[in-house]
Structures are given as structure tokens and as C-alpha cells.
Amino acid sequence: MFETRPDRSAEVVLAGRSNVGKSTLMRELTGHTFDTGQRPGVTQEPNHYDWTSEDFVLTDLPGFGYMKGVPDEVREQIKTDVVRYIEANADSILVGVLVVDGKSVIDIIDRHSGPDEIPHDVELFHFLRDVGIPPVVAVNKMDKVDDRDERLNELCDRLGLHPPWKQWQGTIAPITAKRGSIDPLTEAVRDHLHEAERDDLFQFF
């Protein structure tokens, strides 16, 4: 399992498939450039970003799902490690940000839905809830989506949230990280931090 976590009692994690823009989002949130891979799956260890004087860490977990040139067993191991990391640190994680690609997420979920298969994104969303971490779905690359409301309603439906999406603004956050358009996400994260009585962490969002 990942062993690099700094000793901090409060954490927000970013999780999601490879190539959905997690590192770009991390850069927007921190103002710090991370090694964003041109090929999917380049991040195989978590990127932790913490502040010396603050008891807080923001963690970009490795991308899971299909990665070109990465063997299946490595891919499975990464997914297992991500799940274990979240489980092991669930008491410290105040919000779990699940980053998805707004343009392709419905197709990917539908392609992997079947009697014996639960799509990773759906599974992770419910897993976060099961371990008591409020999930926020950052629906990225929304600048490439034409039928915005319809797409977000479909996503709610796939996640088991009753549409319309607008009643889930603490959970569904349409963003375009590359353009710095992330307000719906920071607002949703702040809602959950406020509920956790951690308004002191608003400075990071």
C-alpha cells in the first residue's frame, strides 16, 4: 500500500480514472504544478500536498481503470491500493472528490454496467459513502459537453441520485479545471467542511 502520507489529521482526496484531469484540478487548487502525465496512469503513487503550519493534506490518488501499456494486474493493484488507502484514512478524510470526464462518463459507466460488473466510478462513489466520507463528483471538461443538464441528470441517475442534478449541488459539481472554472466544486467541498466544523480549511478551497 502507499506509504508516503504525511502525518495530518484532516485530508481531502481526489480520486478517479486515469486522464480525467485530476492533476490539472490539483494544480488549480494548490497553484502548484504536478507531474501531469501525457499518457494515462503516469501517477502511480499519491501526490500529497500539505502546508507546514496546517494540519491538512490534499491528496491526488493514482488514476485507476484502463491505462495504455499498463498490465492488468498492475491496474488492479492500483485500484486495490486506492481503496485501501481511503479505508485506512477514512477517519481523517473529510471529503472524497471523485473526478470524472463529463464528455465520456456516461458511455464508460454504461459500457461497464452488467449483471457481474459495477463500473469503477459508481463503485467508488458508493464506497466513499459506505466508509462515511461525503463524496463530491467533479464533472470535469464540461466545456466539451453540449447538453449540460441532460448529461448531469443522466449521471445522477447512474449514481442512484434522483434527478434533477440541481438538487444535488453539494454532490455534483460541473467544472472545467483547465480553464480554472472550479467554483461549483470549491463550494461543494466547503459545504462538507462546514458540516465537519472545519471552516478553518476554507482557505484551501
N, C-alpha and C. Protein backbone atom coordinates (compact mmCIF):
# COMPACT_ATOMS: atom_id res chain seq x y z
N MET A 1 0.83 -1.19 0.00
CA MET A 1 0.00 0.00 0.00
C MET A 1 0.88 1.26 0.00
N PHE A 2 0.26 2.40 -0.32
CA PHE A 2 1.01 3.65 -0.37
C PHE A 2 1.48 4.03 1.04
N GLU A 3 2.74 4.40 1.15
CA GLU A 3 3.30 4.67 2.48
C GLU A 3 3.74 6.12 2.64
N THR A 4 3.38 6.97 1.69
CA THR A 4 4.01 8.30 1.66
C THR A 4 3.20 9.38 2.38
N ARG A 5 2.08 9.01 2.98
CA ARG A 5 1.18 10.04 3.52
C ARG A 5 1.80 10.84 4.66
N PRO A 6 1.78 12.18 4.57
CA PRO A 6 2.26 12.99 5.70
C PRO A 6 1.30 12.83 6.89
N ASP A 7 1.81 13.06 8.07
CA ASP A 7 1.01 12.88 9.27
C ASP A 7 0.11 14.10 9.49
N ARG A 8 -1.08 14.03 8.94
CA ARG A 8 -2.03 15.13 9.07
C ARG A 8 -3.39 14.56 9.45
N SER A 9 -4.12 15.28 10.31
CA SER A 9 -5.38 14.70 10.79
C SER A 9 -6.58 15.05 9.89
N ALA A 10 -6.40 16.00 8.95
CA ALA A 10 -7.50 16.34 8.05
C ALA A 10 -7.02 16.20 6.61
N GLU A 11 -7.88 15.64 5.78
CA GLU A 11 -7.46 15.36 4.40
C GLU A 11 -8.66 15.48 3.47
N VAL A 12 -8.37 15.92 2.24
CA VAL A 12 -9.34 15.82 1.15
C VAL A 12 -8.64 15.05 0.04
N VAL A 13 -9.31 14.04 -0.51
CA VAL A 13 -8.69 13.24 -1.57
C VAL A 13 -9.38 13.48 -2.92
N LEU A 14 -8.57 13.37 -3.98
CA LEU A 14 -9.08 13.37 -5.35
C LEU A 14 -8.87 11.97 -5.90
N ALA A 15 -9.93 11.37 -6.41
CA ALA A 15 -9.82 10.03 -6.97
C ALA A 15 -10.54 10.00 -8.30
N GLY A 16 -10.23 9.01 -9.11
CA GLY A 16 -10.92 8.89 -10.39
C GLY A 16 -10.10 8.10 -11.39
N ARG A 17 -10.67 7.89 -12.56
CA ARG A 17 -9.97 7.18 -13.61
C ARG A 17 -8.75 7.96 -14.08
N SER A 18 -7.91 7.30 -14.84
CA SER A 18 -6.78 7.99 -15.45
C SER A 18 -7.28 8.97 -16.50
N ASN A 19 -6.57 10.07 -16.60
CA ASN A 19 -6.83 11.00 -17.71
C ASN A 19 -8.14 11.76 -17.62
N VAL A 20 -8.65 11.98 -16.42
CA VAL A 20 -9.89 12.77 -16.30
C VAL A 20 -9.58 14.20 -15.83
N GLY A 21 -8.29 14.47 -15.58
CA GLY A 21 -7.91 15.84 -15.21
C GLY A 21 -7.68 16.07 -13.73
N LYS A 22 -7.36 14.99 -12.99
CA LYS A 22 -7.13 15.15 -11.54
C LYS A 22 -5.94 16.06 -11.26
N SER A 23 -4.83 15.84 -12.01
CA SER A 23 -3.63 16.63 -11.73
C SER A 23 -3.83 18.10 -12.09
N THR A 24 -4.60 18.34 -13.16
CA THR A 24 -4.91 19.73 -13.54
C THR A 24 -5.74 20.39 -12.45
N LEU A 25 -6.68 19.64 -11.90
CA LEU A 25 -7.52 20.16 -10.82
C LEU A 25 -6.67 20.43 -9.58
N MET A 26 -5.76 19.54 -9.29
CA MET A 26 -4.85 19.70 -8.15
C MET A 26 -4.05 21.00 -8.33
N ARG A 27 -3.60 21.24 -9.56
CA ARG A 27 -2.82 22.46 -9.84
C ARG A 27 -3.69 23.70 -9.61
N GLU A 28 -4.96 23.63 -10.04
CA GLU A 28 -5.88 24.76 -9.83
C GLU A 28 -6.08 25.03 -8.34
N LEU A 29 -6.21 23.96 -7.56
CA LEU A 29 -6.48 24.11 -6.13
C LEU A 29 -5.26 24.61 -5.36
N THR A 30 -4.07 24.17 -5.77
CA THR A 30 -2.87 24.47 -4.97
C THR A 30 -1.99 25.55 -5.58
N GLY A 31 -2.18 25.81 -6.88
CA GLY A 31 -1.27 26.74 -7.56
C GLY A 31 0.09 26.12 -7.80
N HIS A 32 0.17 24.80 -7.66
CA HIS A 32 1.45 24.11 -7.75
C HIS A 32 1.38 23.09 -8.89
N THR A 33 2.41 23.07 -9.73
CA THR A 33 2.38 22.14 -10.86
C THR A 33 2.87 20.76 -10.45
N PHE A 34 2.08 19.76 -10.78
CA PHE A 34 2.47 18.38 -10.52
C PHE A 34 2.87 17.74 -11.83
N ASP A 35 3.47 16.59 -11.73
CA ASP A 35 3.89 15.88 -12.93
C ASP A 35 2.65 15.31 -13.60
N THR A 36 2.03 16.09 -14.49
CA THR A 36 0.84 15.58 -15.16
C THR A 36 1.29 14.74 -16.34
N GLY A 37 0.86 13.54 -16.36
CA GLY A 37 1.33 12.61 -17.39
C GLY A 37 0.65 12.88 -18.71
N GLN A 38 1.43 12.84 -19.77
CA GLN A 38 0.82 12.93 -21.10
C GLN A 38 0.15 11.60 -21.42
N ARG A 39 0.68 10.53 -20.82
CA ARG A 39 -0.02 9.27 -21.04
C ARG A 39 -0.71 8.89 -19.74
N PRO A 40 -1.87 8.25 -19.87
CA PRO A 40 -2.65 7.92 -18.68
C PRO A 40 -1.87 7.04 -17.73
N GLY A 41 -2.17 7.22 -16.46
CA GLY A 41 -1.64 6.30 -15.47
C GLY A 41 -0.22 6.58 -15.07
N VAL A 42 0.29 7.77 -15.41
CA VAL A 42 1.67 8.07 -15.05
C VAL A 42 1.81 8.25 -13.54
N THR A 43 0.72 8.70 -12.90
CA THR A 43 0.74 8.85 -11.44
C THR A 43 0.41 7.49 -10.81
N GLN A 44 1.42 6.79 -10.29
CA GLN A 44 1.11 5.50 -9.66
C GLN A 44 1.27 5.54 -8.14
N GLU A 45 1.70 6.68 -7.66
CA GLU A 45 1.76 6.91 -6.21
C GLU A 45 0.91 8.16 -5.95
N PRO A 46 0.39 8.33 -4.75
CA PRO A 46 -0.37 9.55 -4.48
C PRO A 46 0.53 10.78 -4.53
N ASN A 47 -0.01 11.90 -4.98
CA ASN A 47 0.63 13.20 -4.84
C ASN A 47 0.02 13.84 -3.60
N HIS A 48 0.83 14.06 -2.58
CA HIS A 48 0.32 14.73 -1.38
C HIS A 48 0.77 16.19 -1.40
N TYR A 49 -0.12 17.08 -1.06
CA TYR A 49 0.26 18.48 -0.98
C TYR A 49 -0.14 18.97 0.39
N ASP A 50 0.84 19.33 1.20
CA ASP A 50 0.50 19.80 2.54
C ASP A 50 1.24 21.08 2.88
N TRP A 51 0.80 21.71 3.93
CA TRP A 51 1.31 23.01 4.34
C TRP A 51 1.96 22.83 5.71
N THR A 52 3.15 23.36 5.86
CA THR A 52 3.93 23.14 7.09
C THR A 52 3.14 23.50 8.34
N SER A 53 2.46 24.65 8.28
CA SER A 53 1.85 25.15 9.51
C SER A 53 0.42 24.63 9.71
N GLU A 54 -0.10 23.90 8.74
CA GLU A 54 -1.50 23.50 8.82
C GLU A 54 -1.64 21.98 8.93
N ASP A 55 -2.62 21.58 9.72
CA ASP A 55 -2.86 20.15 9.90
C ASP A 55 -3.82 19.65 8.81
N PHE A 56 -3.35 19.74 7.55
CA PHE A 56 -4.21 19.41 6.43
C PHE A 56 -3.39 18.91 5.25
N VAL A 57 -3.92 17.93 4.55
CA VAL A 57 -3.24 17.45 3.33
C VAL A 57 -4.28 17.23 2.23
N LEU A 58 -3.91 17.63 1.02
CA LEU A 58 -4.73 17.41 -0.17
C LEU A 58 -4.03 16.32 -0.97
N THR A 59 -4.73 15.25 -1.28
CA THR A 59 -4.09 14.09 -1.91
C THR A 59 -4.74 13.75 -3.25
N ASP A 60 -3.89 13.65 -4.26
CA ASP A 60 -4.31 13.22 -5.59
C ASP A 60 -3.95 11.74 -5.70
N LEU A 61 -4.95 10.87 -5.66
CA LEU A 61 -4.69 9.43 -5.70
C LEU A 61 -4.46 8.97 -7.14
N PRO A 62 -3.67 7.90 -7.33
CA PRO A 62 -3.38 7.45 -8.69
C PRO A 62 -4.66 7.11 -9.44
N GLY A 63 -4.64 7.35 -10.74
CA GLY A 63 -5.79 7.03 -11.58
C GLY A 63 -5.95 5.53 -11.72
N PHE A 64 -7.20 5.08 -11.78
CA PHE A 64 -7.44 3.65 -11.97
C PHE A 64 -8.19 3.44 -13.29
N GLY A 65 -8.45 2.19 -13.61
CA GLY A 65 -9.13 1.90 -14.87
C GLY A 65 -8.10 1.70 -15.98
N TYR A 66 -8.57 1.70 -17.20
CA TYR A 66 -7.70 1.36 -18.33
C TYR A 66 -6.52 2.32 -18.44
N MET A 67 -5.33 1.76 -18.61
CA MET A 67 -4.16 2.58 -18.90
C MET A 67 -3.35 1.88 -19.97
N LYS A 68 -3.08 2.60 -21.02
CA LYS A 68 -2.34 2.05 -22.14
C LYS A 68 -0.97 1.58 -21.68
N GLY A 69 -0.62 0.36 -22.02
CA GLY A 69 0.71 -0.14 -21.70
C GLY A 69 0.91 -0.55 -20.26
N VAL A 70 -0.17 -0.54 -19.47
CA VAL A 70 -0.05 -0.98 -18.07
C VAL A 70 -0.75 -2.33 -17.95
N PRO A 71 -0.03 -3.36 -17.47
CA PRO A 71 -0.64 -4.69 -17.36
C PRO A 71 -1.84 -4.70 -16.40
N ASP A 72 -2.77 -5.61 -16.69
CA ASP A 72 -4.00 -5.69 -15.89
C ASP A 72 -3.73 -5.84 -14.40
N GLU A 73 -2.72 -6.65 -14.05
CA GLU A 73 -2.51 -6.90 -12.62
C GLU A 73 -2.02 -5.64 -11.90
N VAL A 74 -1.24 -4.82 -12.62
CA VAL A 74 -0.77 -3.55 -12.03
C VAL A 74 -1.98 -2.62 -11.83
N ARG A 75 -2.84 -2.61 -12.84
CA ARG A 75 -4.04 -1.78 -12.80
C ARG A 75 -4.94 -2.18 -11.62
N GLU A 76 -5.13 -3.47 -11.47
CA GLU A 76 -5.96 -3.97 -10.36
C GLU A 76 -5.34 -3.61 -9.01
N GLN A 77 -4.00 -3.72 -8.96
CA GLN A 77 -3.29 -3.42 -7.72
C GLN A 77 -3.47 -1.95 -7.34
N ILE A 78 -3.39 -1.08 -8.34
CA ILE A 78 -3.57 0.36 -8.07
C ILE A 78 -4.96 0.61 -7.50
N LYS A 79 -5.96 -0.02 -8.12
CA LYS A 79 -7.33 0.17 -7.64
C LYS A 79 -7.48 -0.33 -6.20
N THR A 80 -6.89 -1.50 -5.92
CA THR A 80 -6.93 -2.06 -4.57
C THR A 80 -6.25 -1.11 -3.58
N ASP A 81 -5.09 -0.57 -3.99
CA ASP A 81 -4.35 0.35 -3.11
C ASP A 81 -5.14 1.63 -2.84
N VAL A 82 -5.83 2.13 -3.87
CA VAL A 82 -6.64 3.34 -3.70
C VAL A 82 -7.75 3.07 -2.67
N VAL A 83 -8.41 1.93 -2.82
CA VAL A 83 -9.50 1.57 -1.91
C VAL A 83 -8.96 1.40 -0.48
N ARG A 84 -7.83 0.72 -0.37
CA ARG A 84 -7.24 0.50 0.97
C ARG A 84 -6.82 1.81 1.62
N TYR A 85 -6.26 2.70 0.80
CA TYR A 85 -5.81 4.00 1.32
C TYR A 85 -7.01 4.76 1.89
N ILE A 86 -8.10 4.79 1.11
CA ILE A 86 -9.29 5.51 1.56
C ILE A 86 -9.84 4.89 2.84
N GLU A 87 -9.85 3.56 2.87
CA GLU A 87 -10.37 2.84 4.04
C GLU A 87 -9.52 3.12 5.27
N ALA A 88 -8.20 3.06 5.08
CA ALA A 88 -7.28 3.22 6.21
C ALA A 88 -7.33 4.64 6.78
N ASN A 89 -7.63 5.62 5.92
CA ASN A 89 -7.60 7.02 6.36
C ASN A 89 -8.99 7.66 6.43
N ALA A 90 -10.01 6.81 6.41
CA ALA A 90 -11.39 7.32 6.34
C ALA A 90 -11.73 8.30 7.47
N ASP A 91 -11.15 8.09 8.64
CA ASP A 91 -11.48 8.98 9.77
C ASP A 91 -10.92 10.38 9.57
N SER A 92 -9.86 10.50 8.76
CA SER A 92 -9.25 11.81 8.51
C SER A 92 -9.79 12.48 7.27
N ILE A 93 -10.34 11.69 6.34
CA ILE A 93 -10.75 12.25 5.05
C ILE A 93 -12.12 12.91 5.20
N LEU A 94 -12.15 14.22 5.00
CA LEU A 94 -13.37 14.99 5.23
C LEU A 94 -14.25 15.03 3.98
N VAL A 95 -13.62 14.95 2.81
CA VAL A 95 -14.36 14.95 1.54
C VAL A 95 -13.61 14.07 0.55
N GLY A 96 -14.35 13.28 -0.21
CA GLY A 96 -13.76 12.50 -1.29
C GLY A 96 -14.23 13.08 -2.61
N VAL A 97 -13.30 13.64 -3.38
CA VAL A 97 -13.66 14.23 -4.68
C VAL A 97 -13.43 13.17 -5.75
N LEU A 98 -14.50 12.76 -6.39
CA LEU A 98 -14.42 11.77 -7.46
C LEU A 98 -14.45 12.55 -8.77
N VAL A 99 -13.34 12.53 -9.50
CA VAL A 99 -13.24 13.32 -10.74
C VAL A 99 -13.61 12.43 -11.92
N VAL A 100 -14.55 12.92 -12.74
CA VAL A 100 -14.95 12.17 -13.94
C VAL A 100 -14.88 13.11 -15.14
N ASP A 101 -14.81 12.51 -16.32
CA ASP A 101 -14.79 13.28 -17.57
C ASP A 101 -16.23 13.42 -18.05
N GLY A 102 -16.74 14.65 -18.01
CA GLY A 102 -18.14 14.89 -18.33
C GLY A 102 -18.54 14.37 -19.71
N LYS A 103 -17.59 14.40 -20.62
CA LYS A 103 -17.91 14.01 -22.00
C LYS A 103 -18.10 12.50 -22.14
N SER A 104 -17.27 11.72 -21.43
CA SER A 104 -17.28 10.26 -21.66
C SER A 104 -17.86 9.44 -20.52
N VAL A 105 -18.17 10.07 -19.38
CA VAL A 105 -18.50 9.29 -18.17
C VAL A 105 -19.73 8.39 -18.36
N ILE A 106 -20.76 8.89 -19.03
CA ILE A 106 -21.98 8.07 -19.19
C ILE A 106 -21.68 6.84 -20.04
N ASP A 107 -20.95 7.05 -21.15
CA ASP A 107 -20.58 5.92 -22.02
C ASP A 107 -19.77 4.88 -21.25
N ILE A 108 -18.81 5.36 -20.48
CA ILE A 108 -17.94 4.44 -19.73
C ILE A 108 -18.75 3.66 -18.70
N ILE A 109 -19.61 4.37 -17.97
CA ILE A 109 -20.43 3.70 -16.95
C ILE A 109 -21.32 2.65 -17.62
N ASP A 110 -21.96 3.03 -18.73
CA ASP A 110 -22.88 2.10 -19.39
C ASP A 110 -22.14 0.90 -19.97
N ARG A 111 -20.94 1.14 -20.47
CA ARG A 111 -20.18 0.04 -21.08
C ARG A 111 -19.77 -0.99 -20.02
N HIS A 112 -19.58 -0.52 -18.80
CA HIS A 112 -19.11 -1.44 -17.74
C HIS A 112 -20.22 -1.85 -16.78
N SER A 113 -21.46 -1.59 -17.16
CA SER A 113 -22.57 -2.00 -16.30
C SER A 113 -23.13 -3.31 -16.80
N GLY A 114 -23.26 -4.26 -15.90
CA GLY A 114 -23.82 -5.54 -16.32
C GLY A 114 -24.12 -6.36 -15.09
N PRO A 115 -24.65 -7.57 -15.30
CA PRO A 115 -25.02 -8.40 -14.14
C PRO A 115 -23.84 -8.69 -13.22
N ASP A 116 -22.63 -8.77 -13.79
CA ASP A 116 -21.47 -9.14 -12.96
C ASP A 116 -20.48 -7.99 -12.79
N GLU A 117 -20.86 -6.81 -13.23
CA GLU A 117 -19.87 -5.73 -13.24
C GLU A 117 -20.48 -4.43 -12.74
N ILE A 118 -19.75 -3.78 -11.83
CA ILE A 118 -20.15 -2.43 -11.40
C ILE A 118 -19.05 -1.50 -11.90
N PRO A 119 -19.39 -0.43 -12.62
CA PRO A 119 -18.35 0.49 -13.10
C PRO A 119 -17.57 1.09 -11.92
N HIS A 120 -16.26 1.27 -12.12
CA HIS A 120 -15.39 1.80 -11.06
C HIS A 120 -15.94 3.09 -10.45
N ASP A 121 -16.40 4.00 -11.31
CA ASP A 121 -16.83 5.31 -10.79
C ASP A 121 -18.02 5.16 -9.85
N VAL A 122 -18.97 4.33 -10.25
CA VAL A 122 -20.17 4.11 -9.43
C VAL A 122 -19.78 3.41 -8.12
N GLU A 123 -18.91 2.44 -8.26
CA GLU A 123 -18.45 1.66 -7.09
C GLU A 123 -17.74 2.58 -6.09
N LEU A 124 -16.87 3.44 -6.60
CA LEU A 124 -16.10 4.32 -5.71
C LEU A 124 -17.01 5.34 -5.04
N PHE A 125 -17.99 5.85 -5.77
CA PHE A 125 -18.95 6.80 -5.21
C PHE A 125 -19.65 6.18 -3.99
N HIS A 126 -20.14 4.96 -4.16
CA HIS A 126 -20.85 4.30 -3.05
C HIS A 126 -19.90 3.85 -1.95
N PHE A 127 -18.68 3.49 -2.33
CA PHE A 127 -17.68 3.10 -1.33
C PHE A 127 -17.37 4.28 -0.41
N LEU A 128 -17.19 5.47 -0.99
CA LEU A 128 -16.92 6.66 -0.17
C LEU A 128 -18.06 6.85 0.84
N ARG A 129 -19.28 6.76 0.36
CA ARG A 129 -20.43 6.89 1.26
C ARG A 129 -20.43 5.83 2.35
N ASP A 130 -20.12 4.60 1.94
CA ASP A 130 -20.15 3.47 2.90
C ASP A 130 -19.15 3.66 4.03
N VAL A 131 -17.99 4.27 3.73
CA VAL A 131 -16.99 4.46 4.79
C VAL A 131 -17.16 5.82 5.47
N GLY A 132 -18.28 6.50 5.16
CA GLY A 132 -18.61 7.73 5.88
C GLY A 132 -17.93 8.98 5.37
N ILE A 133 -17.45 8.95 4.12
CA ILE A 133 -16.81 10.13 3.53
C ILE A 133 -17.80 10.76 2.54
N PRO A 134 -18.16 12.05 2.73
CA PRO A 134 -19.07 12.66 1.76
C PRO A 134 -18.41 12.75 0.39
N PRO A 135 -19.04 12.16 -0.65
CA PRO A 135 -18.45 12.26 -1.98
C PRO A 135 -18.92 13.51 -2.71
N VAL A 136 -18.01 14.13 -3.46
CA VAL A 136 -18.37 15.19 -4.39
C VAL A 136 -17.87 14.76 -5.76
N VAL A 137 -18.76 14.69 -6.73
CA VAL A 137 -18.36 14.28 -8.08
C VAL A 137 -18.02 15.53 -8.87
N ALA A 138 -16.72 15.70 -9.18
CA ALA A 138 -16.27 16.82 -10.01
C ALA A 138 -16.38 16.39 -11.46
N VAL A 139 -17.41 16.90 -12.13
CA VAL A 139 -17.65 16.51 -13.52
C VAL A 139 -16.86 17.46 -14.40
N ASN A 140 -15.68 17.01 -14.81
CA ASN A 140 -14.70 17.87 -15.48
C ASN A 140 -14.94 17.92 -16.99
N LYS A 141 -14.25 18.87 -17.63
CA LYS A 141 -14.28 19.02 -19.10
C LYS A 141 -15.69 19.36 -19.60
N MET A 142 -16.43 20.09 -18.77
CA MET A 142 -17.81 20.44 -19.14
C MET A 142 -17.87 21.40 -20.33
N ASP A 143 -16.74 22.04 -20.65
CA ASP A 143 -16.71 22.92 -21.82
C ASP A 143 -16.91 22.13 -23.11
N LYS A 144 -16.70 20.80 -23.02
CA LYS A 144 -16.85 19.96 -24.21
C LYS A 144 -18.24 19.30 -24.28
N VAL A 145 -19.11 19.63 -23.32
CA VAL A 145 -20.43 18.99 -23.25
C VAL A 145 -21.50 19.97 -23.72
N ASP A 146 -22.33 19.55 -24.69
CA ASP A 146 -23.36 20.45 -25.21
C ASP A 146 -24.62 20.44 -24.34
N ASP A 147 -25.13 19.23 -24.10
CA ASP A 147 -26.41 19.08 -23.39
C ASP A 147 -26.16 18.92 -21.90
N ARG A 148 -25.66 20.00 -21.31
CA ARG A 148 -25.17 20.00 -19.93
C ARG A 148 -26.15 19.41 -18.91
N ASP A 149 -27.36 19.96 -18.85
CA ASP A 149 -28.31 19.49 -17.83
C ASP A 149 -28.67 18.03 -18.04
N GLU A 150 -28.86 17.67 -19.29
CA GLU A 150 -29.23 16.29 -19.60
C GLU A 150 -28.12 15.33 -19.17
N ARG A 151 -26.88 15.72 -19.47
CA ARG A 151 -25.73 14.88 -19.11
C ARG A 151 -25.62 14.72 -17.59
N LEU A 152 -25.79 15.81 -16.88
CA LEU A 152 -25.66 15.77 -15.42
C LEU A 152 -26.82 14.99 -14.79
N ASN A 153 -28.01 15.11 -15.37
CA ASN A 153 -29.16 14.32 -14.89
C ASN A 153 -28.90 12.83 -15.11
N GLU A 154 -28.33 12.49 -16.27
CA GLU A 154 -28.02 11.08 -16.56
C GLU A 154 -27.00 10.55 -15.55
N LEU A 155 -26.02 11.38 -15.23
CA LEU A 155 -25.01 10.95 -14.26
C LEU A 155 -25.65 10.69 -12.90
N CYS A 156 -26.52 11.59 -12.46
CA CYS A 156 -27.25 11.38 -11.20
C CYS A 156 -27.95 10.02 -11.23
N ASP A 157 -28.65 9.79 -12.31
CA ASP A 157 -29.39 8.55 -12.47
C ASP A 157 -28.47 7.34 -12.31
N ARG A 158 -27.29 7.38 -12.94
CA ARG A 158 -26.35 6.25 -12.88
C ARG A 158 -25.79 6.07 -11.46
N LEU A 159 -25.72 7.17 -10.72
CA LEU A 159 -25.16 7.10 -9.36
C LEU A 159 -26.23 6.79 -8.31
N GLY A 160 -27.47 6.67 -8.77
CA GLY A 160 -28.56 6.38 -7.83
C GLY A 160 -29.06 7.62 -7.10
N LEU A 161 -28.81 8.79 -7.68
CA LEU A 161 -29.33 10.04 -7.12
C LEU A 161 -30.51 10.46 -7.98
N HIS A 162 -31.59 10.86 -7.36
CA HIS A 162 -32.78 11.17 -8.13
C HIS A 162 -32.60 12.51 -8.84
N PRO A 163 -32.66 12.53 -10.21
CA PRO A 163 -32.54 13.82 -10.90
C PRO A 163 -33.72 14.73 -10.53
N PRO A 164 -33.68 16.04 -10.78
CA PRO A 164 -32.64 16.77 -11.49
C PRO A 164 -31.37 17.01 -10.66
N TRP A 165 -30.25 17.17 -11.37
CA TRP A 165 -28.95 17.29 -10.72
C TRP A 165 -28.86 18.53 -9.83
N LYS A 166 -29.66 19.56 -10.18
CA LYS A 166 -29.51 20.83 -9.43
C LYS A 166 -29.85 20.69 -7.96
N GLN A 167 -30.60 19.63 -7.59
CA GLN A 167 -30.87 19.46 -6.16
C GLN A 167 -29.71 18.76 -5.44
N TRP A 168 -28.67 18.41 -6.20
CA TRP A 168 -27.50 17.70 -5.62
C TRP A 168 -26.24 18.55 -5.74
N GLN A 169 -26.36 19.86 -5.56
CA GLN A 169 -25.18 20.69 -5.81
C GLN A 169 -24.09 20.53 -4.75
N GLY A 170 -24.43 19.89 -3.65
CA GLY A 170 -23.37 19.53 -2.69
C GLY A 170 -22.64 18.27 -3.10
N THR A 171 -23.15 17.59 -4.15
CA THR A 171 -22.58 16.30 -4.56
C THR A 171 -22.09 16.31 -6.01
N ILE A 172 -22.80 17.01 -6.88
CA ILE A 172 -22.46 17.05 -8.31
C ILE A 172 -21.93 18.44 -8.64
N ALA A 173 -20.67 18.51 -9.09
CA ALA A 173 -20.04 19.81 -9.34
C ALA A 173 -19.47 19.86 -10.75
N PRO A 174 -20.19 20.51 -11.69
CA PRO A 174 -19.68 20.63 -13.06
C PRO A 174 -18.55 21.66 -13.14
N ILE A 175 -17.40 21.25 -13.66
CA ILE A 175 -16.22 22.13 -13.70
C ILE A 175 -15.48 21.99 -15.03
N THR A 176 -14.58 22.94 -15.28
CA THR A 176 -13.60 22.81 -16.37
C THR A 176 -12.27 23.25 -15.77
N ALA A 177 -11.53 22.28 -15.25
CA ALA A 177 -10.31 22.59 -14.49
C ALA A 177 -9.28 23.33 -15.33
N LYS A 178 -9.18 22.95 -16.59
CA LYS A 178 -8.14 23.54 -17.44
C LYS A 178 -8.34 25.05 -17.60
N ARG A 179 -9.59 25.47 -17.53
CA ARG A 179 -9.88 26.91 -17.66
C ARG A 179 -10.01 27.59 -16.30
N GLY A 180 -9.74 26.83 -15.24
CA GLY A 180 -9.83 27.42 -13.90
C GLY A 180 -11.25 27.61 -13.42
N SER A 181 -12.18 26.95 -14.10
CA SER A 181 -13.60 27.12 -13.75
C SER A 181 -14.01 26.01 -12.78
N ILE A 182 -13.76 26.23 -11.49
CA ILE A 182 -13.98 25.16 -10.50
C ILE A 182 -14.85 25.58 -9.30
N ASP A 183 -15.52 26.75 -9.41
CA ASP A 183 -16.31 27.24 -8.27
C ASP A 183 -17.33 26.24 -7.73
N PRO A 184 -18.08 25.55 -8.61
CA PRO A 184 -19.08 24.61 -8.06
C PRO A 184 -18.43 23.55 -7.16
N LEU A 185 -17.20 23.17 -7.49
CA LEU A 185 -16.50 22.18 -6.68
C LEU A 185 -16.08 22.77 -5.34
N THR A 186 -15.46 23.94 -5.37
CA THR A 186 -14.99 24.51 -4.10
C THR A 186 -16.17 24.80 -3.17
N GLU A 187 -17.30 25.22 -3.76
CA GLU A 187 -18.49 25.45 -2.92
C GLU A 187 -18.99 24.17 -2.28
N ALA A 188 -19.03 23.10 -3.08
CA ALA A 188 -19.50 21.80 -2.55
C ALA A 188 -18.56 21.30 -1.44
N VAL A 189 -17.26 21.43 -1.68
CA VAL A 189 -16.28 20.98 -0.67
C VAL A 189 -16.45 21.80 0.61
N ARG A 190 -16.61 23.12 0.46
CA ARG A 190 -16.81 23.97 1.64
C ARG A 190 -18.06 23.59 2.43
N ASP A 191 -19.12 23.23 1.71
CA ASP A 191 -20.35 22.77 2.41
C ASP A 191 -20.02 21.63 3.36
N HIS A 192 -19.27 20.66 2.85
CA HIS A 192 -18.95 19.48 3.67
C HIS A 192 -17.96 19.82 4.78
N LEU A 193 -17.01 20.71 4.49
CA LEU A 193 -16.07 21.13 5.55
C LEU A 193 -16.84 21.84 6.66
N HIS A 194 -17.81 22.64 6.26
CA HIS A 194 -18.61 23.37 7.24
C HIS A 194 -19.38 22.38 8.13
N GLU A 195 -19.95 21.36 7.49
CA GLU A 195 -20.67 20.35 8.27
C GLU A 195 -19.74 19.63 9.23
N ALA A 196 -18.48 19.49 8.83
CA ALA A 196 -17.49 18.83 9.70
C ALA A 196 -16.89 19.81 10.71
N GLU A 197 -17.45 21.05 10.74
CA GLU A 197 -16.96 22.11 11.64
C GLU A 197 -15.49 22.42 11.39
N ARG A 198 -15.13 22.47 10.10
CA ARG A 198 -13.75 22.80 9.74
C ARG A 198 -13.71 24.00 8.78
N ASP A 199 -14.39 25.07 9.16
CA ASP A 199 -14.35 26.29 8.34
C ASP A 199 -12.93 26.83 8.22
N ASP A 200 -12.05 26.43 9.15
CA ASP A 200 -10.66 26.88 9.09
C ASP A 200 -9.97 26.40 7.81
N LEU A 201 -10.52 25.37 7.17
CA LEU A 201 -9.90 24.83 5.95
C LEU A 201 -10.42 25.50 4.68
N PHE A 202 -11.34 26.44 4.82
CA PHE A 202 -11.87 27.14 3.63
C PHE A 202 -10.75 27.84 2.85
N GLN A 203 -9.68 28.21 3.56
CA GLN A 203 -8.58 28.94 2.89
C GLN A 203 -7.96 28.12 1.76
N PHE A 204 -8.17 26.80 1.77
CA PHE A 204 -7.55 25.97 0.73
C PHE A 204 -8.48 25.75 -0.46
N PHE A 205 -9.71 26.25 -0.36
CA PHE A 205 -10.69 25.96 -1.42
C PHE A 205 -11.41 27.23 -1.89
